Amino acid sequence: MTKLPALSGREVVQALRRLGYEPDHQTGSHIILRQAASPHRRLTVPDHKEIAKGTLRAVIRQAGLTVDEFLDLVG
Protein backbone atom coordinates (compact mmCIF):
# COMPACT_ATOMS: atom_id res chain seq x y z
CA MET A 1 0.00 0.00 0.00
CA THR A 2 1.37 3.41 -0.98
CA LYS A 3 2.10 5.82 1.84
CA LEU A 4 0.20 9.10 1.70
CA PRO A 5 1.99 12.38 2.43
CA ALA A 6 0.62 14.95 4.87
CA LEU A 7 -1.47 17.32 2.73
CA SER A 8 -3.60 20.34 3.50
CA GLY A 9 -7.10 20.76 2.16
CA ARG A 10 -5.91 23.46 -0.24
CA GLU A 11 -3.26 21.11 -1.68
CA VAL A 12 -5.88 18.41 -2.24
CA VAL A 13 -8.19 20.90 -3.98
CA GLN A 14 -5.32 22.05 -6.19
CA ALA A 15 -4.58 18.44 -7.24
CA LEU A 16 -8.26 17.72 -7.95
CA ARG A 17 -8.54 20.88 -10.07
CA ARG A 18 -6.07 19.24 -12.46
CA LEU A 19 -8.74 16.57 -13.04
CA GLY A 20 -11.45 19.08 -13.88
CA TYR A 21 -12.99 19.60 -10.44
CA GLU A 22 -13.98 23.19 -9.71
CA PRO A 23 -14.86 24.71 -6.35
CA ASP A 24 -18.64 25.00 -6.17
CA HIS A 25 -18.96 26.60 -2.75
CA GLN A 26 -17.66 26.43 0.79
CA THR A 27 -19.69 25.62 3.87
CA GLY A 28 -17.79 26.35 7.04
CA SER A 29 -14.44 24.58 6.81
CA HIS A 30 -15.46 22.27 3.96
CA ILE A 31 -14.85 23.01 0.28
CA ILE A 32 -17.40 21.47 -2.08
CA LEU A 33 -15.99 20.58 -5.49
CA ARG A 34 -17.99 19.71 -8.59
CA GLN A 35 -16.70 17.90 -11.66
CA ALA A 36 -17.41 19.94 -14.79
CA ALA A 37 -17.58 16.95 -17.14
CA SER A 38 -19.71 13.84 -16.83
CA PRO A 39 -20.28 12.03 -14.38
CA HIS A 40 -20.50 15.37 -12.44
CA ARG A 41 -19.22 14.01 -9.15
CA ARG A 42 -19.32 16.20 -6.05
CA LEU A 43 -16.58 15.95 -3.46
CA THR A 44 -16.26 17.50 -0.03
CA VAL A 45 -12.73 18.36 1.07
CA PRO A 46 -12.08 19.66 4.59
CA ASP A 47 -10.11 22.91 4.55
CA HIS A 48 -7.73 21.86 7.31
CA LYS A 49 -3.98 22.32 7.69
CA GLU A 50 -3.57 18.56 7.51
CA ILE A 51 -6.20 16.08 6.33
CA ALA A 52 -6.39 12.77 8.19
CA LYS A 53 -5.10 9.81 6.19
CA GLY A 54 -8.43 7.97 6.25
CA THR A 55 -10.30 11.06 5.11
CA LEU A 56 -7.80 11.62 2.29
CA ARG A 57 -8.16 8.00 1.14
CA ALA A 58 -11.95 8.41 1.14
CA VAL A 59 -11.73 11.56 -1.01
CA ILE A 60 -9.39 9.78 -3.43
CA ARG A 61 -11.77 6.80 -3.65
CA GLN A 62 -14.80 9.07 -4.23
CA ALA A 63 -12.91 10.82 -7.04
CA GLY A 64 -12.53 7.44 -8.74
CA LEU A 65 -8.74 7.42 -8.44
CA THR A 66 -6.12 5.11 -7.06
CA VAL A 67 -3.64 6.46 -4.53
CA ASP A 68 -0.84 6.31 -7.13
CA GLU A 69 -2.91 8.29 -9.65
CA PHE A 70 -3.63 10.92 -7.02
CA LEU A 71 0.04 11.16 -6.02
CA ASP A 72 0.94 11.81 -9.68
CA LEU A 73 -1.41 14.81 -9.58
CA VAL A 74 0.11 16.12 -6.35
CA GLY A 75 3.72 15.71 -7.45
C-alpha atoms as a PDB file:
ATOM      1  CA  MET A   1       0.000   0.000   0.000  1.00  0.00           C
ATOM      2  CA  THR A   2       1.366   3.412  -0.976  1.00  0.00           C
ATOM      3  CA  LYS A   3       2.101   5.818   1.841  1.00  0.00           C
ATOM      4  CA  LEU A   4       0.205   9.101   1.696  1.00  0.00           C
ATOM      5  CA  PRO A   5       1.994  12.384   2.429  1.00  0.00           C
ATOM      6  CA  ALA A   6       0.624  14.946   4.866  1.00  0.00           C
ATOM      7  CA  LEU A   7      -1.473  17.316   2.728  1.00  0.00           C
ATOM      8  CA  SER A   8      -3.596  20.336   3.497  1.00  0.00           C
ATOM      9  CA  GLY A   9      -7.103  20.762   2.165  1.00  0.00           C
ATOM     10  CA  ARG A  10      -5.908  23.459  -0.244  1.00  0.00           C
ATOM     11  CA  GLU A  11      -3.256  21.107  -1.681  1.00  0.00           C
ATOM     12  CA  VAL A  12      -5.875  18.413  -2.244  1.00  0.00           C
ATOM     13  CA  VAL A  13      -8.188  20.898  -3.981  1.00  0.00           C
ATOM     14  CA  GLN A  14      -5.315  22.049  -6.194  1.00  0.00           C
ATOM     15  CA  ALA A  15      -4.581  18.441  -7.244  1.00  0.00           C
ATOM     16  CA  LEU A  16      -8.259  17.717  -7.952  1.00  0.00           C
ATOM     17  CA  ARG A  17      -8.537  20.879 -10.071  1.00  0.00           C
ATOM     18  CA  ARG A  18      -6.072  19.244 -12.462  1.00  0.00           C
ATOM     19  CA  LEU A  19      -8.742  16.571 -13.038  1.00  0.00           C
ATOM     20  CA  GLY A  20     -11.452  19.076 -13.876  1.00  0.00           C
ATOM     21  CA  TYR A  21     -12.988  19.599 -10.441  1.00  0.00           C
ATOM     22  CA  GLU A  22     -13.980  23.187  -9.713  1.00  0.00           C
ATOM     23  CA  PRO A  23     -14.856  24.708  -6.345  1.00  0.00           C
ATOM     24  CA  ASP A  24     -18.642  25.005  -6.174  1.00  0.00           C
ATOM     25  CA  HIS A  25     -18.962  26.603  -2.745  1.00  0.00           C
ATOM     26  CA  GLN A  26     -17.662  26.435   0.790  1.00  0.00           C
ATOM     27  CA  THR A  27     -19.692  25.615   3.869  1.00  0.00           C
ATOM     28  CA  GLY A  28     -17.788  26.346   7.043  1.00  0.00           C
ATOM     29  CA  SER A  29     -14.441  24.580   6.812  1.00  0.00           C
ATOM     30  CA  HIS A  30     -15.462  22.270   3.957  1.00  0.00           C
ATOM     31  CA  ILE A  31     -14.848  23.007   0.285  1.00  0.00           C
ATOM     32  CA  ILE A  32     -17.404  21.470  -2.078  1.00  0.00           C
ATOM     33  CA  LEU A  33     -15.994  20.579  -5.493  1.00  0.00           C
ATOM     34  CA  ARG A  34     -17.991  19.706  -8.590  1.00  0.00           C
ATOM     35  CA  GLN A  35     -16.699  17.900 -11.662  1.00  0.00           C
ATOM     36  CA  ALA A  36     -17.408  19.945 -14.787  1.00  0.00           C
ATOM     37  CA  ALA A  37     -17.581  16.947 -17.143  1.00  0.00           C
ATOM     38  CA  SER A  38     -19.711  13.844 -16.826  1.00  0.00           C
ATOM     39  CA  PRO A  39     -20.276  12.033 -14.377  1.00  0.00           C
ATOM     40  CA  HIS A  40     -20.499  15.373 -12.436  1.00  0.00           C
ATOM     41  CA  ARG A  41     -19.221  14.005  -9.149  1.00  0.00           C
ATOM     42  CA  ARG A  42     -19.323  16.199  -6.049  1.00  0.00           C
ATOM     43  CA  LEU A  43     -16.577  15.951  -3.462  1.00  0.00           C
ATOM     44  CA  THR A  44     -16.260  17.500  -0.031  1.00  0.00           C
ATOM     45  CA  VAL A  45     -12.727  18.357   1.069  1.00  0.00           C
ATOM     46  CA  PRO A  46     -12.081  19.655   4.591  1.00  0.00           C
ATOM     47  CA  ASP A  47     -10.114  22.915   4.547  1.00  0.00           C
ATOM     48  CA  HIS A  48      -7.732  21.860   7.313  1.00  0.00           C
ATOM     49  CA  LYS A  49      -3.984  22.323   7.692  1.00  0.00           C
ATOM     50  CA  GLU A  50      -3.565  18.559   7.505  1.00  0.00           C
ATOM     51  CA  ILE A  51      -6.200  16.083   6.334  1.00  0.00           C
ATOM     52  CA  ALA A  52      -6.395  12.771   8.193  1.00  0.00           C
ATOM     53  CA  LYS A  53      -5.096   9.814   6.186  1.00  0.00           C
ATOM     54  CA  GLY A  54      -8.426   7.974   6.250  1.00  0.00           C
ATOM     55  CA  THR A  55     -10.298  11.061   5.105  1.00  0.00           C
ATOM     56  CA  LEU A  56      -7.799  11.617   2.295  1.00  0.00           C
ATOM     57  CA  ARG A  57      -8.165   7.996   1.143  1.00  0.00           C
ATOM     58  CA  ALA A  58     -11.955   8.410   1.140  1.00  0.00           C
ATOM     59  CA  VAL A  59     -11.734  11.565  -1.011  1.00  0.00           C
ATOM     60  CA  ILE A  60      -9.387   9.784  -3.433  1.00  0.00           C
ATOM     61  CA  ARG A  61     -11.769   6.804  -3.654  1.00  0.00           C
ATOM     62  CA  GLN A  62     -14.805   9.072  -4.225  1.00  0.00           C
ATOM     63  CA  ALA A  63     -12.914  10.820  -7.043  1.00  0.00           C
ATOM     64  CA  GLY A  64     -12.527   7.440  -8.745  1.00  0.00           C
ATOM     65  CA  LEU A  65      -8.743   7.422  -8.442  1.00  0.00           C
ATOM     66  CA  THR A  66      -6.117   5.114  -7.065  1.00  0.00           C
ATOM     67  CA  VAL A  67      -3.638   6.461  -4.529  1.00  0.00           C
ATOM     68  CA  ASP A  68      -0.844   6.312  -7.125  1.00  0.00           C
ATOM     69  CA  GLU A  69      -2.912   8.285  -9.654  1.00  0.00           C
ATOM     70  CA  PHE A  70      -3.627  10.915  -7.022  1.00  0.00           C
ATOM     71  CA  LEU A  71       0.041  11.159  -6.020  1.00  0.00           C
ATOM     72  CA  ASP A  72       0.944  11.812  -9.679  1.00  0.00           C
ATOM     73  CA  LEU A  73      -1.414  14.813  -9.576  1.00  0.00           C
ATOM     74  CA  VAL A  74       0.112  16.120  -6.352  1.00  0.00           C
ATOM     75  CA  GLY A  75       3.725  15.713  -7.450  1.00  0.00           C
END
